[in-house]
Amino acid sequence: MLEKRLNHIELMGEKYPYKCTISVLEKLQEKYGTINQFEKEFKFKNQKIGEDGKALLEPGAGAISFALAAMIEEGMEIEPGTGEPLTEAQIRAFACDEYGLHELFDIVDDEFSRCFDAKKNGKATQGEGKSK
């Protein structure tokens, strides 16, 4: 049942589960100080103005690889027996062989965004937590 909730990424010929959870968010906070600071590093690392005056955004490769490594580690804890664990160094070395930087950004961004998407299924959503 949990496997259905996990996405998978193929690296070096192996499929790895990945999941953004509270544990992953804690790791991001530990490394970047706040989730907002992670997002700045992740989404807007190298912001420049093009000749046409429009902002050119380049995602932060370091933030992408750190977050993806944390998400894969979490996915492998949820779905044990899915291959050898990958280090962040291995992800840095091999992820761009199989995916472009922007595709990796999209993979991590989609999963990261799921952590914050409110579901209208009778459970508490942002700002609607139960208090006593």
N, C-alpha and C. Protein backbone atom coordinates (compact mmCIF):
# COMPACT_ATOMS: atom_id res chain seq x y z
N MET A 1 0.81 -1.19 0.00
CA MET A 1 0.00 0.00 0.00
C MET A 1 0.87 1.26 0.00
N LEU A 2 1.91 1.30 0.81
CA LEU A 2 2.77 2.48 0.83
C LEU A 2 3.49 2.68 -0.50
N GLU A 3 3.79 1.59 -1.20
CA GLU A 3 4.50 1.71 -2.46
C GLU A 3 3.74 2.58 -3.45
N LYS A 4 2.41 2.55 -3.38
CA LYS A 4 1.60 3.35 -4.29
C LYS A 4 1.77 4.84 -4.05
N ARG A 5 2.21 5.21 -2.88
CA ARG A 5 2.38 6.61 -2.55
C ARG A 5 3.79 7.11 -2.86
N LEU A 6 4.65 6.23 -3.33
CA LEU A 6 6.02 6.61 -3.62
C LEU A 6 6.23 6.76 -5.12
N ASN A 7 6.96 7.78 -5.48
CA ASN A 7 7.44 7.90 -6.85
C ASN A 7 8.79 7.21 -6.93
N HIS A 8 9.22 6.92 -8.15
CA HIS A 8 10.51 6.27 -8.34
C HIS A 8 11.30 7.01 -9.40
N ILE A 9 12.61 7.03 -9.22
CA ILE A 9 13.52 7.64 -10.18
C ILE A 9 14.54 6.57 -10.57
N GLU A 10 14.87 6.55 -11.84
CA GLU A 10 15.85 5.57 -12.30
C GLU A 10 17.22 6.22 -12.37
N LEU A 11 18.17 5.62 -11.65
CA LEU A 11 19.56 6.08 -11.66
C LEU A 11 20.46 4.87 -11.80
N MET A 12 21.40 4.93 -12.69
CA MET A 12 22.37 3.85 -12.90
C MET A 12 21.69 2.50 -13.13
N GLY A 13 20.56 2.52 -13.83
CA GLY A 13 19.86 1.29 -14.17
C GLY A 13 19.00 0.72 -13.06
N GLU A 14 18.89 1.38 -11.93
CA GLU A 14 18.08 0.92 -10.79
C GLU A 14 16.97 1.93 -10.53
N LYS A 15 15.82 1.44 -10.12
CA LYS A 15 14.72 2.34 -9.72
C LYS A 15 14.79 2.55 -8.22
N TYR A 16 14.75 3.82 -7.82
CA TYR A 16 14.82 4.18 -6.41
C TYR A 16 13.55 4.93 -6.01
N PRO A 17 12.94 4.55 -4.88
CA PRO A 17 11.78 5.29 -4.40
C PRO A 17 12.24 6.62 -3.78
N TYR A 18 11.40 7.61 -3.87
CA TYR A 18 11.71 8.87 -3.19
C TYR A 18 10.43 9.47 -2.64
N LYS A 19 10.58 10.18 -1.52
CA LYS A 19 9.41 10.74 -0.82
C LYS A 19 9.85 11.93 0.00
N CYS A 20 9.10 13.01 -0.09
CA CYS A 20 9.34 14.17 0.78
C CYS A 20 8.44 14.02 2.00
N THR A 21 9.04 13.96 3.16
CA THR A 21 8.31 13.79 4.41
C THR A 21 8.77 14.85 5.41
N ILE A 22 8.19 14.81 6.57
CA ILE A 22 8.62 15.71 7.65
C ILE A 22 10.10 15.53 7.94
N SER A 23 10.58 14.28 7.89
CA SER A 23 12.01 14.02 8.13
C SER A 23 12.88 14.72 7.09
N VAL A 24 12.45 14.69 5.85
CA VAL A 24 13.21 15.38 4.79
C VAL A 24 13.18 16.89 5.03
N LEU A 25 12.02 17.41 5.39
CA LEU A 25 11.93 18.85 5.68
C LEU A 25 12.85 19.24 6.83
N GLU A 26 12.95 18.38 7.85
CA GLU A 26 13.87 18.64 8.97
C GLU A 26 15.32 18.71 8.48
N LYS A 27 15.70 17.80 7.59
CA LYS A 27 17.06 17.81 7.04
C LYS A 27 17.32 19.09 6.26
N LEU A 28 16.32 19.53 5.51
CA LEU A 28 16.46 20.78 4.76
C LEU A 28 16.62 21.97 5.70
N GLN A 29 15.85 21.97 6.80
CA GLN A 29 15.98 23.04 7.79
C GLN A 29 17.35 23.01 8.45
N GLU A 30 17.85 21.82 8.77
CA GLU A 30 19.17 21.70 9.40
C GLU A 30 20.26 22.27 8.49
N LYS A 31 20.18 21.97 7.20
CA LYS A 31 21.22 22.41 6.27
C LYS A 31 21.07 23.88 5.89
N TYR A 32 19.85 24.33 5.64
CA TYR A 32 19.63 25.67 5.10
C TYR A 32 19.09 26.68 6.11
N GLY A 33 18.76 26.23 7.30
CA GLY A 33 18.26 27.14 8.33
C GLY A 33 16.74 27.21 8.36
N THR A 34 16.14 27.43 7.21
CA THR A 34 14.67 27.48 7.10
C THR A 34 14.26 26.86 5.77
N ILE A 35 13.01 26.47 5.68
CA ILE A 35 12.46 25.97 4.43
C ILE A 35 12.49 27.08 3.37
N ASN A 36 12.20 28.31 3.78
CA ASN A 36 12.24 29.43 2.83
C ASN A 36 13.63 29.63 2.25
N GLN A 37 14.66 29.48 3.08
CA GLN A 37 16.03 29.63 2.58
C GLN A 37 16.37 28.50 1.62
N PHE A 38 15.92 27.27 1.94
CA PHE A 38 16.11 26.17 1.00
C PHE A 38 15.48 26.51 -0.35
N GLU A 39 14.23 27.00 -0.32
CA GLU A 39 13.54 27.33 -1.57
C GLU A 39 14.29 28.38 -2.37
N LYS A 40 14.88 29.36 -1.69
CA LYS A 40 15.66 30.38 -2.39
C LYS A 40 16.87 29.75 -3.07
N GLU A 41 17.56 28.88 -2.35
CA GLU A 41 18.73 28.20 -2.92
C GLU A 41 18.32 27.25 -4.03
N PHE A 42 17.20 26.59 -3.85
CA PHE A 42 16.71 25.58 -4.77
C PHE A 42 16.18 26.21 -6.06
N LYS A 43 15.34 27.21 -5.92
CA LYS A 43 14.65 27.78 -7.07
C LYS A 43 15.36 28.97 -7.71
N PHE A 44 16.08 29.74 -6.94
CA PHE A 44 16.60 31.01 -7.45
C PHE A 44 18.09 31.20 -7.16
N LYS A 45 18.85 30.14 -7.23
CA LYS A 45 20.28 30.21 -6.88
C LYS A 45 21.00 31.27 -7.69
N ASN A 46 20.87 31.23 -8.99
CA ASN A 46 21.57 32.17 -9.87
C ASN A 46 20.56 32.95 -10.68
N GLN A 47 20.07 34.01 -10.08
CA GLN A 47 19.08 34.83 -10.77
C GLN A 47 19.82 35.97 -11.46
N LYS A 48 19.62 36.07 -12.76
CA LYS A 48 20.27 37.12 -13.55
C LYS A 48 19.21 37.78 -14.43
N ILE A 49 19.54 38.94 -14.91
CA ILE A 49 18.65 39.64 -15.83
C ILE A 49 19.21 39.48 -17.24
N GLY A 50 18.36 38.99 -18.14
CA GLY A 50 18.77 38.78 -19.53
C GLY A 50 18.80 40.09 -20.30
N GLU A 51 19.29 40.02 -21.52
CA GLU A 51 19.38 41.20 -22.37
C GLU A 51 18.02 41.82 -22.63
N ASP A 52 16.98 40.99 -22.58
CA ASP A 52 15.63 41.50 -22.81
C ASP A 52 14.99 42.07 -21.55
N GLY A 53 15.74 42.08 -20.44
CA GLY A 53 15.25 42.64 -19.19
C GLY A 53 14.47 41.66 -18.33
N LYS A 54 14.30 40.43 -18.81
CA LYS A 54 13.56 39.42 -18.05
C LYS A 54 14.52 38.65 -17.15
N ALA A 55 13.99 38.21 -16.02
CA ALA A 55 14.79 37.43 -15.08
C ALA A 55 15.07 36.04 -15.66
N LEU A 56 16.31 35.62 -15.55
CA LEU A 56 16.71 34.27 -15.94
C LEU A 56 16.98 33.51 -14.65
N LEU A 57 16.20 32.49 -14.41
CA LEU A 57 16.33 31.74 -13.17
C LEU A 57 17.06 30.44 -13.44
N GLU A 58 18.02 30.15 -12.61
CA GLU A 58 18.76 28.90 -12.71
C GLU A 58 18.66 28.19 -11.37
N PRO A 59 18.12 26.98 -11.36
CA PRO A 59 17.98 26.28 -10.09
C PRO A 59 19.34 25.94 -9.48
N GLY A 60 19.35 25.81 -8.16
CA GLY A 60 20.57 25.48 -7.44
C GLY A 60 20.88 23.99 -7.49
N ALA A 61 21.93 23.63 -8.19
CA ALA A 61 22.29 22.23 -8.36
C ALA A 61 22.58 21.56 -7.01
N GLY A 62 23.25 22.26 -6.12
CA GLY A 62 23.57 21.69 -4.80
C GLY A 62 22.33 21.41 -3.99
N ALA A 63 21.37 22.32 -4.03
CA ALA A 63 20.12 22.12 -3.30
C ALA A 63 19.32 20.97 -3.91
N ILE A 64 19.36 20.85 -5.23
CA ILE A 64 18.65 19.75 -5.89
C ILE A 64 19.23 18.42 -5.46
N SER A 65 20.55 18.28 -5.51
CA SER A 65 21.15 16.98 -5.17
C SER A 65 20.99 16.65 -3.70
N PHE A 66 21.07 17.66 -2.81
CA PHE A 66 20.88 17.39 -1.38
C PHE A 66 19.46 16.93 -1.11
N ALA A 67 18.49 17.64 -1.67
CA ALA A 67 17.08 17.29 -1.44
C ALA A 67 16.75 15.93 -2.05
N LEU A 68 17.24 15.67 -3.26
CA LEU A 68 16.96 14.38 -3.90
C LEU A 68 17.57 13.24 -3.10
N ALA A 69 18.78 13.42 -2.60
CA ALA A 69 19.42 12.39 -1.78
C ALA A 69 18.60 12.12 -0.52
N ALA A 70 18.13 13.18 0.13
CA ALA A 70 17.31 13.02 1.34
C ALA A 70 15.99 12.32 1.01
N MET A 71 15.39 12.66 -0.12
CA MET A 71 14.12 12.05 -0.52
C MET A 71 14.29 10.58 -0.88
N ILE A 72 15.39 10.24 -1.55
CA ILE A 72 15.66 8.85 -1.88
C ILE A 72 15.93 8.05 -0.61
N GLU A 73 16.71 8.61 0.29
CA GLU A 73 16.99 7.93 1.56
C GLU A 73 15.68 7.65 2.31
N GLU A 74 14.79 8.62 2.33
CA GLU A 74 13.50 8.45 2.99
C GLU A 74 12.65 7.40 2.27
N GLY A 75 12.64 7.43 0.96
CA GLY A 75 11.89 6.45 0.19
C GLY A 75 12.38 5.03 0.44
N MET A 76 13.69 4.88 0.58
CA MET A 76 14.26 3.55 0.81
C MET A 76 13.96 3.05 2.23
N GLU A 77 13.78 3.98 3.17
CA GLU A 77 13.35 3.57 4.52
C GLU A 77 11.90 3.09 4.50
N ILE A 78 11.08 3.76 3.70
CA ILE A 78 9.66 3.41 3.61
C ILE A 78 9.48 2.11 2.83
N GLU A 79 10.29 1.94 1.79
CA GLU A 79 10.19 0.77 0.92
C GLU A 79 11.53 0.02 0.96
N PRO A 80 11.79 -0.71 2.05
CA PRO A 80 13.09 -1.38 2.19
C PRO A 80 13.30 -2.45 1.11
N GLY A 81 14.58 -2.76 0.89
CA GLY A 81 14.92 -3.80 -0.07
C GLY A 81 14.85 -3.35 -1.51
N THR A 82 15.00 -2.06 -1.76
CA THR A 82 14.89 -1.55 -3.13
C THR A 82 16.24 -1.17 -3.70
N GLY A 83 17.28 -1.87 -3.33
CA GLY A 83 18.60 -1.59 -3.89
C GLY A 83 19.54 -1.01 -2.86
N GLU A 84 20.75 -0.79 -3.32
CA GLU A 84 21.78 -0.22 -2.46
C GLU A 84 21.53 1.28 -2.26
N PRO A 85 21.73 1.76 -1.05
CA PRO A 85 21.55 3.20 -0.82
C PRO A 85 22.53 4.01 -1.67
N LEU A 86 22.09 5.16 -2.10
CA LEU A 86 22.93 6.08 -2.86
C LEU A 86 23.41 7.19 -1.95
N THR A 87 24.63 7.61 -2.13
CA THR A 87 25.13 8.77 -1.40
C THR A 87 24.82 10.03 -2.22
N GLU A 88 24.89 11.16 -1.57
CA GLU A 88 24.69 12.41 -2.29
C GLU A 88 25.75 12.55 -3.38
N ALA A 89 26.96 12.08 -3.11
CA ALA A 89 28.03 12.15 -4.11
C ALA A 89 27.68 11.31 -5.35
N GLN A 90 27.10 10.14 -5.15
CA GLN A 90 26.69 9.31 -6.29
C GLN A 90 25.58 9.98 -7.08
N ILE A 91 24.65 10.60 -6.38
CA ILE A 91 23.56 11.30 -7.06
C ILE A 91 24.14 12.46 -7.87
N ARG A 92 25.07 13.19 -7.29
CA ARG A 92 25.72 14.29 -8.01
C ARG A 92 26.44 13.77 -9.26
N ALA A 93 27.09 12.62 -9.12
CA ALA A 93 27.89 12.09 -10.22
C ALA A 93 27.04 11.53 -11.35
N PHE A 94 25.90 10.91 -11.02
CA PHE A 94 25.17 10.16 -12.04
C PHE A 94 23.82 10.75 -12.45
N ALA A 95 23.22 11.59 -11.64
CA ALA A 95 21.87 12.09 -11.96
C ALA A 95 21.85 12.88 -13.26
N CYS A 96 22.86 13.70 -13.49
CA CYS A 96 22.87 14.50 -14.72
C CYS A 96 23.24 13.67 -15.94
N ASP A 97 23.74 12.44 -15.74
CA ASP A 97 23.94 11.55 -16.88
C ASP A 97 22.61 11.12 -17.47
N GLU A 98 21.59 11.05 -16.62
CA GLU A 98 20.30 10.53 -17.06
C GLU A 98 19.21 11.59 -17.14
N TYR A 99 19.40 12.71 -16.48
CA TYR A 99 18.41 13.78 -16.46
C TYR A 99 19.14 15.12 -16.59
N GLY A 100 18.51 16.07 -17.23
CA GLY A 100 19.06 17.42 -17.27
C GLY A 100 18.76 18.13 -15.95
N LEU A 101 19.47 19.21 -15.71
CA LEU A 101 19.29 19.96 -14.46
C LEU A 101 17.84 20.39 -14.26
N HIS A 102 17.21 20.87 -15.31
CA HIS A 102 15.83 21.34 -15.17
C HIS A 102 14.86 20.18 -14.94
N GLU A 103 15.15 19.03 -15.52
CA GLU A 103 14.30 17.86 -15.28
C GLU A 103 14.44 17.39 -13.83
N LEU A 104 15.67 17.41 -13.31
CA LEU A 104 15.87 17.06 -11.89
C LEU A 104 15.16 18.07 -10.99
N PHE A 105 15.24 19.34 -11.37
CA PHE A 105 14.53 20.37 -10.61
C PHE A 105 13.04 20.05 -10.56
N ASP A 106 12.45 19.70 -11.71
CA ASP A 106 11.02 19.40 -11.76
C ASP A 106 10.66 18.20 -10.88
N ILE A 107 11.50 17.17 -10.90
CA ILE A 107 11.26 15.97 -10.09
C ILE A 107 11.23 16.34 -8.60
N VAL A 108 12.24 17.07 -8.16
CA VAL A 108 12.33 17.45 -6.74
C VAL A 108 11.23 18.45 -6.40
N ASP A 109 10.99 19.41 -7.26
CA ASP A 109 9.97 20.43 -6.99
C ASP A 109 8.58 19.82 -6.88
N ASP A 110 8.25 18.89 -7.77
CA ASP A 110 6.94 18.24 -7.71
C ASP A 110 6.76 17.50 -6.38
N GLU A 111 7.79 16.76 -5.97
CA GLU A 111 7.69 16.00 -4.72
C GLU A 111 7.67 16.94 -3.52
N PHE A 112 8.51 17.97 -3.54
CA PHE A 112 8.57 18.96 -2.46
C PHE A 112 7.21 19.63 -2.31
N SER A 113 6.59 19.99 -3.42
CA SER A 113 5.29 20.67 -3.40
C SER A 113 4.20 19.80 -2.79
N ARG A 114 4.30 18.49 -2.97
CA ARG A 114 3.29 17.58 -2.41
C ARG A 114 3.23 17.68 -0.88
N CYS A 115 4.36 18.02 -0.27
CA CYS A 115 4.38 18.15 1.20
C CYS A 115 3.47 19.29 1.67
N PHE A 116 3.22 20.24 0.80
CA PHE A 116 2.48 21.43 1.19
C PHE A 116 1.10 21.52 0.59
N ASP A 117 0.77 20.59 -0.30
CA ASP A 117 -0.56 20.59 -0.91
C ASP A 117 -1.60 20.16 0.11
N ALA A 118 -2.61 20.99 0.29
CA ALA A 118 -3.70 20.65 1.20
C ALA A 118 -4.65 19.70 0.49
N LYS A 119 -5.02 18.66 1.18
CA LYS A 119 -5.98 17.69 0.63
C LYS A 119 -7.32 17.92 1.29
N LYS A 120 -8.34 18.01 0.51
CA LYS A 120 -9.69 18.21 1.04
C LYS A 120 -10.35 16.86 1.25
N ASN A 121 -9.84 16.11 2.24
CA ASN A 121 -10.37 14.77 2.49
C ASN A 121 -10.81 14.60 3.94
N GLY A 122 -11.18 15.69 4.57
CA GLY A 122 -11.65 15.59 5.94
C GLY A 122 -10.54 15.73 6.98
N LYS A 123 -9.31 15.79 6.52
CA LYS A 123 -8.19 15.95 7.44
C LYS A 123 -7.87 17.43 7.57
N ALA A 124 -7.17 17.78 8.62
CA ALA A 124 -6.81 19.18 8.84
C ALA A 124 -5.94 19.67 7.69
N THR A 125 -6.21 20.87 7.21
CA THR A 125 -5.40 21.51 6.20
C THR A 125 -4.75 22.72 6.81
N GLN A 126 -3.87 23.37 6.06
CA GLN A 126 -3.14 24.49 6.58
C GLN A 126 -4.10 25.51 7.21
N GLY A 127 -3.81 25.89 8.44
CA GLY A 127 -4.63 26.86 9.13
C GLY A 127 -5.87 26.27 9.77
N GLU A 128 -6.07 24.97 9.61
CA GLU A 128 -7.28 24.35 10.17
C GLU A 128 -6.93 23.26 11.18
N GLY A 129 -5.75 23.32 11.77
CA GLY A 129 -5.33 22.30 12.72
C GLY A 129 -6.24 22.30 13.93
N LYS A 130 -6.33 21.16 14.58
CA LYS A 130 -7.16 21.06 15.76
C LYS A 130 -6.41 21.57 16.95
N SER A 131 -7.06 22.34 17.76
CA SER A 131 -6.44 22.84 18.98
C SER A 131 -7.44 22.66 20.12
N LYS A 132 -6.89 22.62 21.31
CA LYS A 132 -7.75 22.44 22.49
C LYS A 132 -7.79 23.70 23.30
